[in-house]
C-alpha cells in the first residue's frame, strides 16, 4: 500500500461513505439551531360582566414618544461562525483530550477567508501531493500500483482521484504548515465535529511531531510501518471525536444529517461510488476505522490511570506494522514482524541476473494489509459493492438505534474475509523489488510467515492471482450458436531450485513467473525472462531475514 497515495485520499473517504450509506432527517439551519418556543395551550376565557362606566378624568399631560426598538443584531458571518466554533472546540479538545495547546493554530488566510470552497480544497491538497511526489515519482507509483493490480495500466493516479478528493473532504490539517482548513458547505452541527477532529490533530502534533514521523518512515520505503503510524494518528482523532459527539445528546444524528445535506455531497458521493478502482475504499477507510478500533482495544488493556496516559505510551512506542493494527493483541504482546533485507540490488540482482539496462523502479514492504488489498483487487470484481463486501467489518449484533447505525456508517472498520483472511493471517514480514527496462517490468518479492503452513497458504492464494492476471480468455461456440467464454490459466509446471519448491508459469506477459516455498519463506518472481528465472530465484533466496 503506497503511503503517499493513502495520504492523498484520506480526507475524502469517510464523508463519502457516510453520505452514501446513511439516511437521516434534514439538518437544522444555523439560524434555527435553537428550537422555537412552543406556546402553552390557552383555554377559552370565561364570560366577564361588563364593567361600570369609569368617572370622567382630566386629560394627562403629553407623554414622551415611545423608544424605538433596538435594531436586530447583524447576522453572523462565515468567518465569525468559524471563529466561534473553533474557540468552543479548542476548549472541548483541551477538556476531553487532556492536552493544552502550546501555541495558537494558524488558519489559512486567502482574501481574508478561512473557509475553503471544495475546488480550493482540492487544489491545495493536490498541490501538497505535487510537492511530495514529483512527476517521475508519481509515474513510478502509478506503474507499481498497476503491476499489483490496484489500478489499470496507464492510469494517471493523480487525475483519477482528483474527483474523489474534491467530493469528500470536510476539513484537513497539514502538519508541515500547522494549518487546518474547513471546507464550505457544512452546517454548524456538521462543522463542529470536523473542527474538533482537526484540532485533535493540531494539539497532538504539538506534542508528538507528526511531520517528523512522516519523514522518518516515508523516505525509507517503509509504507507498512508508515501505514501503522497513520492509523494511530487518524484513529486517535476519530476516537476522541466519537467521545465528543457521543457526549452531547442528539449530536450524532445532527452530525450525520449535516454531512448528508452539505452542498453537492450526495451527488458527488454517488459519482465517486461508481469510480474505479473500488479497491481503494479499503485503503482510505483503514486509518480511521481500524485505528480507532485499535485504540479502543489497547487503551483499556494498558490499565493506565487515564486514557491520556495510554495514548502517550502508544505515541511514544507506536505499532510497527499494519499487522499490529489489524490484530491489536499482537501489539500488546510485543509481536513485531521480522525484517526482510533483499540482496544488494545492483551487483547481485539487476546487472548479472536480469542483464544490463535494468533499473530499480520501486521497492517496499506490503505488510498484511497491503497484501490483503492486492489479493482482493485481483480475485474479486473491482466494483464498489463487491469490494466493500470483502473489506467492511459487519457488526456482531444488530444495530438497534439510528445513532448506532450512524456511528457504524461514519467509522467503518476494514476486515479481510474468507480465503484472503486465511492467506494473510500468518504474515511476519516481506520486501519486494520492482525493476524495469523500457516497457518491461519484473518483480522479485520475498516474504516470511509464522509457520510453513501459513507460507503455503499464501503461495497457493497468490498463485491464483498469477493465473488470473496472465490467463487468456477462450471462446467456444455451442451447438445452439451461443458463444461461451472461459478464462484459461497459463501453462504451469512444478519447479525446484535448491531448497525452494513450487510452481512455474510460462508466458506470463514479458516472461515466466514462479512462486516457490522453503519452510516459512516464499519467493515470488514475476515476469522474468525464461532463461534468467532460476538465477533470479537463487539471488532472491539470499535475502536476509
Protein backbone atom coordinates (compact mmCIF):
# COMPACT_ATOMS: atom_id res chain seq x y z
CA UNK A 1 0.00 0.00 0.00
CA UNK A 2 1.63 3.22 -1.12
CA UNK A 3 1.94 5.71 1.73
CA UNK A 4 1.66 8.87 -0.36
CA UNK A 5 -1.41 7.66 -2.23
CA UNK A 6 -3.13 6.83 1.05
CA UNK A 7 -2.38 10.27 2.46
CA UNK A 8 -3.73 11.83 -0.74
CA UNK A 9 -7.07 10.08 -0.29
CA UNK A 10 -7.54 10.26 3.48
CA UNK A 11 -9.53 13.49 3.83
CA UNK A 12 -12.19 12.30 1.42
CA UNK A 13 -13.03 8.80 2.48
CA UNK A 14 -15.39 8.85 5.40
CA UNK A 15 -17.66 11.65 4.27
CA UNK A 16 -18.27 9.77 1.04
CA UNK A 17 -19.14 6.55 2.87
CA UNK A 18 -21.36 8.37 5.35
CA UNK A 19 -23.23 10.24 2.64
CA UNK A 20 -23.65 7.13 0.52
CA UNK A 21 -24.96 4.75 3.14
CA UNK A 22 -26.88 6.59 5.84
CA UNK A 23 -30.28 8.20 5.76
CA UNK A 24 -31.07 10.91 8.26
CA UNK A 25 -33.60 13.67 8.78
CA UNK A 26 -32.89 17.07 7.25
CA UNK A 27 -30.42 19.12 9.32
CA UNK A 28 -31.27 22.29 11.22
CA UNK A 29 -30.02 25.53 9.70
CA UNK A 30 -27.52 27.72 11.56
CA UNK A 31 -30.03 30.37 12.45
CA UNK A 32 -32.64 27.80 13.51
CA UNK A 33 -30.43 25.60 15.66
CA UNK A 34 -32.40 26.51 18.80
CA UNK A 35 -35.90 25.11 18.83
CA UNK A 36 -38.66 27.72 18.62
CA UNK A 37 -40.70 28.00 21.86
CA UNK A 38 -43.97 26.09 21.76
CA UNK A 39 -46.90 28.17 23.07
CA UNK A 40 -48.84 26.82 26.02
CA UNK A 41 -52.43 25.78 25.21
CA UNK A 42 -54.92 28.52 26.12
CA UNK A 43 -58.49 27.72 27.21
CA UNK A 44 -61.40 29.88 26.12
CA UNK A 45 -61.93 32.81 28.55
CA UNK A 46 -64.95 32.74 30.88
CA UNK A 47 -67.54 35.47 30.28
CA UNK A 48 -66.90 38.60 32.34
CA UNK A 49 -69.63 41.13 33.23
CA UNK A 50 -69.28 44.49 31.51
CA UNK A 51 -67.61 46.99 33.87
CA UNK A 52 -69.40 50.04 35.17
CA UNK A 53 -68.50 53.22 33.31
CA UNK A 54 -65.50 54.96 34.84
CA UNK A 55 -65.80 58.53 36.06
CA UNK A 56 -64.54 61.18 33.71
CA UNK A 57 -60.90 62.14 34.22
CA UNK A 58 -58.93 65.21 33.25
CA UNK A 59 -56.62 64.59 30.27
CA UNK A 60 -52.99 63.66 31.11
CA UNK A 61 -50.04 65.80 30.10
CA UNK A 62 -48.49 64.83 26.76
CA UNK A 63 -46.16 61.79 27.17
CA UNK A 64 -42.70 61.36 25.59
CA UNK A 65 -42.63 59.48 22.29
CA UNK A 66 -42.00 55.71 22.68
CA UNK A 67 -38.41 54.48 22.44
CA UNK A 68 -37.89 52.73 19.10
CA UNK A 69 -36.92 49.02 19.33
CA UNK A 70 -33.22 48.17 19.09
CA UNK A 71 -32.14 47.15 15.59
CA UNK A 72 -31.65 43.38 15.12
CA UNK A 73 -28.12 42.07 15.63
CA UNK A 74 -26.26 41.62 12.35
CA UNK A 75 -26.18 38.07 11.00
CA UNK A 76 -23.08 36.04 11.88
CA UNK A 77 -20.58 35.91 9.03
CA UNK A 78 -18.86 32.69 7.98
CA UNK A 79 -15.60 33.87 9.50
CA UNK A 80 -17.30 34.76 12.78
CA UNK A 81 -19.01 31.37 12.79
CA UNK A 82 -15.72 29.55 12.31
CA UNK A 83 -14.01 31.68 14.96
CA UNK A 84 -16.79 30.86 17.42
CA UNK A 85 -16.79 27.14 16.60
CA UNK A 86 -13.01 26.95 16.79
CA UNK A 87 -12.89 28.66 20.17
CA UNK A 88 -15.55 26.33 21.53
CA UNK A 89 -13.91 23.20 20.05
CA UNK A 90 -10.43 24.19 21.25
CA UNK A 91 -11.77 24.31 24.80
CA UNK A 92 -13.53 20.97 24.28
CA UNK A 93 -10.34 19.39 22.89
CA UNK A 94 -8.31 20.50 25.91
CA UNK A 95 -11.03 19.25 28.26
CA UNK A 96 -11.64 15.87 26.60
CA UNK A 97 -8.17 15.05 25.21
CA UNK A 98 -6.36 16.33 28.29
CA UNK A 99 -3.67 18.24 26.35
CA UNK A 100 -3.26 22.02 26.39
CA UNK A 101 -2.39 23.84 23.17
CA UNK A 102 1.21 25.08 23.30
CA UNK A 103 0.64 27.62 20.55
CA UNK A 104 -2.23 29.00 18.50
CA UNK A 105 -3.18 27.05 15.41
CA UNK A 106 -2.98 29.18 12.30
CA UNK A 107 -5.77 29.44 9.76
CA UNK A 108 -5.43 29.52 6.03
CA UNK A 109 -5.97 33.16 5.02
CA UNK A 110 -6.90 33.76 1.40
CA UNK A 111 -8.65 37.07 0.68
CA UNK A 112 -9.40 37.28 4.41
CA UNK A 113 -11.28 33.97 4.32
CA UNK A 114 -10.67 30.91 6.47
CA UNK A 115 -13.14 28.63 4.76
CA UNK A 116 -12.27 26.72 1.60
CA UNK A 117 -14.52 26.03 -1.34
CA UNK A 118 -14.42 22.41 -2.49
CA UNK A 119 -12.37 23.39 -5.54
CA UNK A 120 -9.90 25.34 -3.38
CA UNK A 121 -9.54 22.36 -1.05
CA UNK A 122 -8.87 20.05 -3.98
CA UNK A 123 -6.29 22.42 -5.44
CA UNK A 124 -4.46 22.75 -2.13
CA UNK A 125 -4.37 19.03 -1.43
CA UNK A 126 -3.17 18.20 -4.94
CA UNK A 127 -0.52 20.92 -4.69
CA UNK A 128 0.64 19.25 -1.49
CA UNK A 129 0.96 15.97 -3.41
CA UNK A 130 2.86 17.72 -6.23
CA UNK A 131 5.37 18.91 -3.66
CA UNK A 132 5.71 15.48 -2.10
CA UNK A 133 5.62 13.47 -5.33
CA UNK A 134 7.32 14.99 -8.37
CA UNK A 135 6.10 13.72 -11.77
CA UNK A 136 8.70 10.97 -12.09
CA UNK A 137 7.83 9.54 -8.66
CA UNK A 138 4.11 9.77 -9.36
CA UNK A 139 4.59 7.93 -12.66
CA UNK A 140 6.61 5.21 -10.93
CA UNK A 141 3.92 4.89 -8.27
CA UNK A 142 1.25 4.50 -10.98
CA UNK A 143 3.26 1.73 -12.66
CA UNK A 144 3.75 0.00 -9.33
CA UNK A 145 0.05 0.10 -8.44
CA UNK A 146 -0.80 -1.19 -11.91
CA UNK A 147 1.65 -4.08 -11.61
CA UNK A 148 -0.02 -5.23 -8.39
CA UNK A 149 -3.47 -4.88 -9.96
CA UNK A 150 -4.67 -1.95 -7.84
CA UNK A 151 -5.24 0.31 -10.88
CA UNK A 152 -5.29 -0.26 -14.63
CA UNK A 153 -2.12 0.25 -16.63
CA UNK A 154 -1.62 3.77 -17.90
CA UNK A 155 -3.75 5.25 -15.11
CA UNK A 156 -2.93 8.80 -14.09
CA UNK A 157 -3.31 8.31 -10.34
CA UNK A 158 -3.49 11.99 -9.54
CA UNK A 159 -6.16 12.67 -12.16
CA UNK A 160 -8.16 9.59 -11.23
CA UNK A 161 -8.54 10.63 -7.62
CA UNK A 162 -8.96 14.38 -8.01
CA UNK A 163 -12.75 13.99 -8.06
CA UNK A 164 -12.54 11.65 -5.09
CA UNK A 165 -10.68 14.26 -3.08
CA UNK A 166 -12.93 17.11 -4.15
CA UNK A 167 -16.10 15.23 -3.29
CA UNK A 168 -15.32 14.12 0.21
CA UNK A 169 -13.07 16.48 2.11
CA UNK A 170 -14.69 18.26 5.05
CA UNK A 171 -11.60 19.56 6.75
CA UNK A 172 -7.91 18.81 6.79
CA UNK A 173 -4.80 19.53 8.81
CA UNK A 174 -1.36 19.80 7.17
CA UNK A 175 1.41 19.07 9.71
CA UNK A 176 4.10 20.78 7.65
CA UNK A 177 2.35 24.16 7.72
CA UNK A 178 0.47 23.68 11.03
CA UNK A 179 -2.68 24.86 9.22
CA UNK A 180 -6.14 23.37 9.14
CA UNK A 181 -8.88 24.41 6.76
CA UNK A 182 -12.61 23.80 6.80
CA UNK A 183 -14.48 23.23 3.56
CA UNK A 184 -17.57 25.31 2.89
CA UNK A 185 -20.97 23.72 2.65
CA UNK A 186 -21.42 22.11 6.07
CA UNK A 187 -23.81 23.49 8.66
CA UNK A 188 -22.81 24.11 12.26
CA UNK A 189 -23.77 20.64 13.50
CA UNK A 190 -21.52 19.03 10.89
CA UNK A 191 -18.74 21.60 11.23
CA UNK A 192 -18.26 21.24 14.99
CA UNK A 193 -17.12 17.56 14.95
CA UNK A 194 -14.97 18.20 11.86
CA UNK A 195 -13.20 21.11 13.58
CA UNK A 196 -12.85 19.05 16.77
CA UNK A 197 -11.22 16.22 14.77
CA UNK A 198 -8.73 18.56 13.08
CA UNK A 199 -7.89 20.28 16.37
CA UNK A 200 -7.09 16.88 17.89
CA UNK A 201 -4.52 16.55 15.10
CA UNK A 202 -3.23 20.04 15.82
CA UNK A 203 -2.75 19.57 19.56
CA UNK A 204 -1.23 16.08 19.18
CA UNK A 205 1.13 17.41 16.53
CA UNK A 206 2.44 19.91 19.08
CA UNK A 207 3.26 17.06 21.48
CA UNK A 208 4.20 14.19 19.13
CA UNK A 209 5.51 15.95 15.97
CA UNK A 210 3.56 14.33 13.13
CA UNK A 211 5.81 15.71 10.41
CA UNK A 212 8.97 14.14 11.85
CA UNK A 213 7.24 10.77 11.94
CA UNK A 214 6.04 11.05 8.34
CA UNK A 215 9.50 11.98 7.12
CA UNK A 216 11.15 9.21 9.12
CA UNK A 217 9.07 6.44 7.59
CA UNK A 218 8.29 7.99 4.21
CA UNK A 219 11.79 8.27 2.77
CA UNK A 220 12.93 4.74 3.51
CA UNK A 221 10.27 2.77 1.57
CA UNK A 222 8.57 1.77 4.81
CA UNK A 223 4.95 2.03 3.74
CA UNK A 224 3.71 -0.70 6.07
CA UNK A 225 5.30 0.96 9.10
CA UNK A 226 4.08 4.35 7.92
CA UNK A 227 0.54 2.98 7.49
CA UNK A 228 0.62 1.80 11.10
CA UNK A 229 1.60 5.31 12.24
CA UNK A 230 -1.14 6.76 10.02
CA UNK A 231 -3.71 4.55 11.75
CA UNK A 232 -2.52 5.70 15.18
CA UNK A 233 -2.86 9.35 14.16
CA UNK A 234 -6.23 9.17 12.39
CA UNK A 235 -7.55 6.59 14.83
CA UNK A 236 -6.77 8.86 17.77
CA UNK A 237 -8.62 11.80 16.20
CA UNK A 238 -11.60 9.53 15.46
CA UNK A 239 -11.53 8.01 18.97
CA UNK A 240 -11.67 11.40 20.68
CA UNK A 241 -14.12 12.81 18.12
CA UNK A 242 -16.51 9.97 18.99
CA UNK A 243 -16.09 10.78 22.69
CA UNK A 244 -17.13 14.37 21.97
CA UNK A 245 -20.02 13.53 19.61
CA UNK A 246 -21.46 10.79 21.82
CA UNK A 247 -21.15 13.03 24.88
CA UNK A 248 -23.63 15.58 23.52
CA UNK A 249 -27.20 14.33 23.30
CA UNK A 250 -28.53 14.20 19.75
CA UNK A 251 -25.31 15.39 18.10
CA UNK A 252 -24.63 12.09 16.33
CA UNK A 253 -27.79 12.34 14.26
CA UNK A 254 -27.44 16.08 13.67
CA UNK A 255 -23.84 15.49 12.54
CA UNK A 256 -24.95 12.80 10.09
CA UNK A 257 -27.76 14.97 8.76
CA UNK A 258 -25.38 17.88 8.30
CA UNK A 259 -22.97 15.70 6.31
CA UNK A 260 -25.71 14.48 4.02
CA UNK A 261 -27.12 17.96 3.47
CA UNK A 262 -23.76 19.53 2.60
CA UNK A 263 -23.89 21.23 -0.77
CA UNK A 264 -23.19 18.76 -3.56
CA UNK A 265 -22.19 15.90 -1.26
CA UNK A 266 -24.94 13.49 -2.26
CA UNK A 267 -24.29 13.87 -5.98
CA UNK A 268 -20.51 13.76 -5.58
CA UNK A 269 -20.64 10.74 -3.30
CA UNK A 270 -22.83 8.83 -5.74
CA UNK A 271 -20.40 9.66 -8.55
CA UNK A 272 -17.38 8.55 -6.53
CA UNK A 273 -19.04 5.27 -5.54
CA UNK A 274 -19.03 4.37 -9.25
CA UNK A 275 -15.40 5.35 -9.84
CA UNK A 276 -12.75 2.67 -10.30
CA UNK A 277 -10.68 1.32 -8.72
CA UNK A 278 -13.06 0.27 -5.99
CA UNK A 279 -10.30 -1.48 -4.02
CA UNK A 280 -9.14 1.95 -2.86
CA UNK A 281 -12.11 2.05 -0.48
CA UNK A 282 -10.27 -0.29 1.90
CA UNK A 283 -7.14 1.84 1.74
CA UNK A 284 -8.94 5.02 2.75
CA UNK A 285 -11.18 3.54 5.44
CA UNK A 286 -8.47 1.64 7.30
CA UNK A 287 -6.69 4.51 9.15
CA UNK A 288 -9.92 5.85 10.66
CA UNK A 289 -11.86 2.70 11.43
CA UNK A 290 -9.06 0.28 12.26
CA UNK A 291 -7.04 2.97 14.00
CA UNK A 292 -9.98 3.82 16.24
CA UNK A 293 -10.70 0.14 16.91
CA UNK A 294 -7.03 -0.38 17.81
CA UNK A 295 -7.21 2.36 20.44
CA UNK A 296 -10.50 1.03 21.83
CA UNK A 297 -8.81 -2.37 22.32
CA UNK A 298 -5.39 -1.25 23.54
CA UNK A 299 -6.21 1.71 25.81
CA UNK A 300 -8.28 -0.22 28.40
CA UNK A 301 -5.88 -3.18 28.21
CA UNK A 302 -2.98 -0.95 29.27
CA UNK A 303 -4.77 -0.24 32.57
CA UNK A 304 -3.26 3.21 32.94
CA UNK A 305 -4.68 5.77 35.36
CA UNK A 306 -6.19 7.76 32.49
CA UNK A 307 -6.76 7.19 28.75
CA UNK A 308 -4.42 10.12 28.11
CA UNK A 309 -1.54 8.19 29.70
CA UNK A 310 -2.25 5.20 27.46
CA UNK A 311 -2.22 7.38 24.35
CA UNK A 312 1.09 8.88 25.44
CA UNK A 313 2.58 5.38 25.63
CA UNK A 314 1.16 4.45 22.22
CA UNK A 315 2.56 7.56 20.52
CA UNK A 316 5.92 7.09 22.26
CA UNK A 317 6.16 3.40 21.29
CA UNK A 318 3.87 3.04 18.25
CA UNK A 319 2.98 -0.13 16.33
CA UNK A 320 5.50 -1.18 13.71
CA UNK A 321 3.18 -2.83 11.17
CA UNK A 322 -0.37 -2.91 9.87
CA UNK A 323 -0.47 -6.45 11.26
CA UNK A 324 -0.47 -4.94 14.76
CA UNK A 325 -3.25 -2.52 13.80
CA UNK A 326 -5.40 -5.32 12.37
CA UNK A 327 -4.62 -7.53 15.40
CA UNK A 328 -4.14 -5.17 18.40
CA UNK A 329 -3.29 -8.01 20.76
CA UNK A 330 -0.06 -8.56 18.80
CA UNK A 331 0.97 -5.03 19.72
CA UNK A 332 0.22 -5.66 23.39
CA UNK A 333 2.15 -8.96 23.22
CA UNK A 334 5.18 -7.30 21.59
CA UNK A 335 4.81 -9.48 18.47
CA UNK A 336 6.79 -7.46 15.91
CA UNK A 337 7.38 -8.55 12.30
CA UNK A 338 10.73 -9.78 11.06
CA UNK A 339 12.81 -7.53 8.81
CA UNK A 340 13.47 -8.80 5.28
CA UNK A 341 16.56 -7.41 3.53
CA UNK A 342 16.97 -8.16 -0.15
CA UNK A 343 20.47 -8.72 -1.56
CA UNK A 344 22.43 -5.67 -2.70
CA UNK A 345 20.44 -4.50 -5.73
CA UNK A 346 23.00 -3.73 -8.44
CA UNK A 347 25.73 -6.35 -8.08
CA UNK A 348 23.53 -9.28 -7.09
CA UNK A 349 20.15 -8.78 -8.74
CA UNK A 350 19.96 -6.24 -11.52
CA UNK A 351 23.14 -6.41 -13.59
CA UNK A 352 24.37 -10.01 -13.58
CA UNK A 353 20.97 -11.66 -13.20
CA UNK A 354 18.48 -9.53 -15.12
CA UNK A 355 21.06 -8.14 -17.53
CA UNK A 356 22.16 -4.65 -18.46
CA UNK A 357 19.74 -1.78 -18.89
CA UNK A 358 17.53 -2.70 -15.95
CA UNK A 359 16.85 -0.16 -13.22
CA UNK A 360 15.08 -0.11 -9.91
CA UNK A 361 11.53 1.26 -10.22
CA UNK A 362 10.46 0.74 -6.66
CA UNK A 363 10.75 -1.38 -3.57
CA UNK A 364 8.83 -1.56 -0.33
CA UNK A 365 7.03 -3.70 2.23
CA UNK A 366 3.41 -4.60 1.51
CA UNK A 367 2.53 -5.80 5.00
CA UNK A 368 -0.52 -7.81 5.95
CA UNK A 369 -2.90 -5.02 4.99
CA UNK A 370 -1.25 -4.30 1.63
CA UNK A 371 -1.20 -7.97 0.64
CA UNK A 372 -4.88 -8.25 1.52
CA UNK A 373 -5.66 -5.35 -0.84
CA UNK A 374 -3.60 -6.92 -3.64
CA UNK A 375 -5.39 -10.27 -3.30
CA UNK A 376 -8.85 -8.70 -3.24
CA UNK A 377 -8.09 -6.44 -6.22
CA UNK A 378 -7.16 -9.42 -8.38
CA UNK A 379 -9.58 -12.07 -7.21
CA UNK A 380 -12.88 -10.18 -6.82
CA UNK A 381 -14.82 -7.88 -9.17
CA UNK A 382 -13.44 -4.36 -8.97
CA UNK A 383 -16.81 -2.75 -8.27
CA UNK A 384 -17.61 -0.74 -5.17
CA UNK A 385 -20.35 -3.09 -3.83
CA UNK A 386 -18.20 -6.20 -4.36
CA UNK A 387 -15.07 -4.73 -2.80
CA UNK A 388 -16.94 -3.21 0.15
CA UNK A 389 -18.47 -6.62 0.89
CA UNK A 390 -14.93 -8.04 1.06
CA UNK A 391 -13.48 -5.46 3.44
CA UNK A 392 -16.22 -3.93 5.63
CA UNK A 393 -16.46 -5.50 9.07
CA UNK A 394 -20.08 -6.16 9.90
CA UNK A 395 -21.45 -5.59 13.42
CA UNK A 396 -21.58 -8.62 15.70
CA UNK A 397 -25.04 -7.67 16.97
CA UNK A 398 -27.93 -5.97 15.15
CA UNK A 399 -27.82 -2.18 15.20
CA UNK A 400 -30.90 -1.18 17.18
CA UNK A 401 -30.98 2.62 17.03
CA UNK A 402 -30.46 5.28 14.37
CA UNK A 403 -27.50 6.54 16.43
CA UNK A 404 -25.84 3.11 16.31
CA UNK A 405 -26.38 2.92 12.55
CA UNK A 406 -24.99 6.42 12.03
CA UNK A 407 -21.88 5.67 14.08
CA UNK A 408 -21.31 2.39 12.20
CA UNK A 409 -21.52 4.18 8.85
CA UNK A 410 -19.26 7.04 9.94
CA UNK A 411 -16.45 4.77 11.15
CA UNK A 412 -16.33 1.57 9.06
CA UNK A 413 -13.64 -0.96 10.01
CA UNK A 414 -11.72 -2.99 7.43
CA UNK A 415 -11.76 -6.76 7.93
CA UNK A 416 -10.49 -9.20 5.31
CA UNK A 417 -12.63 -12.27 4.88
CA UNK A 418 -12.60 -15.87 3.68
CA UNK A 419 -9.60 -17.10 1.70
CA UNK A 420 -7.96 -13.67 1.76
CA UNK A 421 -8.00 -13.64 5.57
CA UNK A 422 -6.52 -17.14 5.65
CA UNK A 423 -3.80 -16.22 3.17
CA UNK A 424 -2.56 -13.13 5.03
CA UNK A 425 -3.20 -14.12 8.65
CA UNK A 426 0.27 -15.59 9.23
CA UNK A 427 2.27 -12.71 7.70
CA UNK A 428 5.53 -11.97 9.51
CA UNK A 429 7.49 -9.74 7.09
CA UNK A 430 8.14 -9.07 3.40
CA UNK A 431 10.13 -6.98 0.94
CA UNK A 432 9.81 -6.56 -2.81
CA UNK A 433 11.79 -5.06 -5.66
CA UNK A 434 10.22 -3.81 -8.88
CA UNK A 435 12.69 -3.45 -11.76
CA UNK A 436 12.17 -2.03 -15.24
CA UNK A 437 13.79 -1.86 -18.65
CA UNK A 438 11.90 0.20 -21.21
CA UNK A 439 8.32 -1.07 -21.19
CA UNK A 440 9.23 -4.28 -19.37
CA UNK A 441 8.83 -4.86 -15.65
CA UNK A 442 9.92 -7.62 -13.27
CA UNK A 443 9.01 -8.31 -9.65
CA UNK A 444 11.13 -10.01 -7.02
CA UNK A 445 9.32 -10.50 -3.69
CA UNK A 446 10.40 -12.35 -0.55
CA UNK A 447 8.09 -12.90 2.42
CA UNK A 448 8.26 -14.80 5.70
CA UNK A 449 5.39 -16.30 7.66
CA UNK A 450 4.60 -17.54 11.15
CA UNK A 451 4.58 -21.21 10.09
CA UNK A 452 5.34 -23.28 6.96
CA UNK A 453 1.59 -23.83 6.69
CA UNK A 454 0.99 -20.07 6.56
CA UNK A 455 3.64 -19.76 3.84
CA UNK A 456 1.98 -22.48 1.77
CA UNK A 457 -1.43 -20.82 2.23
CA UNK A 458 -0.18 -17.51 0.85
CA UNK A 459 1.70 -19.19 -2.02
CA UNK A 460 -1.44 -21.02 -3.11
CA UNK A 461 -3.57 -17.88 -2.99
CA UNK A 462 -1.07 -15.70 -4.85
CA UNK A 463 -0.78 -18.47 -7.44
CA UNK A 464 -4.43 -17.81 -8.25
CA UNK A 465 -3.53 -14.13 -8.73
CA UNK A 466 -0.84 -15.14 -11.27
CA UNK A 467 -3.31 -17.34 -13.15
CA UNK A 468 -5.97 -14.65 -13.24
CA UNK A 469 -3.59 -11.82 -14.23
CA UNK A 470 -1.93 -13.70 -17.08
CA UNK A 471 -4.62 -16.14 -18.15
CA UNK A 472 -6.30 -15.84 -21.52
CA UNK A 473 -9.96 -15.94 -22.43
CA UNK A 474 -11.09 -18.74 -24.75
CA UNK A 475 -14.35 -18.55 -26.66
CA UNK A 476 -16.30 -21.67 -27.54
CA UNK A 477 -19.36 -21.80 -29.80
CA UNK A 478 -22.06 -24.20 -28.67
CA UNK A 479 -24.45 -26.20 -30.83
CA UNK A 480 -27.07 -23.51 -30.33
CA UNK A 481 -24.69 -20.90 -31.71
CA UNK A 482 -24.13 -19.20 -28.39
CA UNK A 483 -20.55 -18.28 -27.55
CA UNK A 484 -19.27 -19.08 -24.08
CA UNK A 485 -16.12 -17.57 -22.60
CA UNK A 486 -13.72 -19.28 -20.23
CA UNK A 487 -10.55 -17.99 -18.64
CA UNK A 488 -7.64 -20.38 -19.13
CA UNK A 489 -4.62 -20.21 -16.83
CA UNK A 490 -1.09 -20.01 -18.28
CA UNK A 491 0.73 -23.30 -18.77
CA UNK A 492 2.33 -24.37 -15.50
CA UNK A 493 4.70 -27.00 -14.16
CA UNK A 494 6.39 -27.83 -10.88
CA UNK A 495 9.75 -26.17 -10.20
CA UNK A 496 12.59 -26.81 -7.78
CA UNK A 497 15.64 -24.67 -7.13
CA UNK A 498 17.77 -25.89 -4.25
CA UNK A 499 15.59 -25.92 -1.14
CA UNK A 500 12.85 -23.98 -2.92
CA UNK A 501 9.86 -25.84 -4.36
CA UNK A 502 6.77 -24.56 -6.12
CA UNK A 503 5.19 -23.74 -9.47
CA UNK A 504 6.40 -22.07 -12.64
CA UNK A 505 4.08 -20.47 -15.21
CA UNK A 506 5.10 -19.91 -18.83
CA UNK A 507 4.15 -16.96 -20.98
CA UNK A 508 3.19 -14.50 -18.26
CA UNK A 509 3.47 -11.47 -20.48
CA UNK A 510 7.16 -10.40 -20.53
CA UNK A 511 8.46 -13.75 -19.33
CA UNK A 512 7.86 -16.57 -16.90
CA UNK A 513 6.71 -16.37 -13.29
CA UNK A 514 7.24 -18.62 -10.28
CA UNK A 515 6.15 -18.99 -6.67
CA UNK A 516 8.45 -21.10 -4.51
CA UNK A 517 8.31 -22.09 -0.84
CA UNK A 518 11.04 -23.14 1.56
CA UNK A 519 9.90 -23.65 5.14
CA UNK A 520 8.25 -20.45 6.34
CA UNK A 521 9.50 -18.34 3.40
CA UNK A 522 8.02 -17.58 0.00
CA UNK A 523 9.62 -16.20 -3.16
CA UNK A 524 7.55 -14.59 -5.92
CA UNK A 525 9.38 -13.96 -9.20
CA UNK A 526 7.08 -12.39 -11.77
CA UNK A 527 7.58 -11.68 -15.49
CA UNK A 528 11.24 -12.74 -15.70
CA UNK A 529 12.95 -13.81 -18.95
CA UNK A 530 12.67 -17.60 -19.05
CA UNK A 531 16.43 -18.29 -19.08
CA UNK A 532 17.01 -15.87 -16.20
CA UNK A 533 14.24 -17.08 -13.89
CA UNK A 534 16.21 -19.65 -11.90
CA UNK A 535 19.27 -17.39 -11.29
CA UNK A 536 16.84 -14.65 -10.24
CA UNK A 537 15.17 -17.00 -7.75
CA UNK A 538 18.54 -18.07 -6.33
CA UNK A 539 19.53 -14.42 -5.88
CA UNK A 540 16.27 -13.67 -4.07
CA UNK A 541 16.90 -16.69 -1.87
CA UNK A 542 19.90 -14.85 -0.41
CA UNK A 543 17.61 -12.35 1.31
CA UNK A 544 18.44 -11.79 4.97
CA UNK A 545 15.60 -12.41 7.43
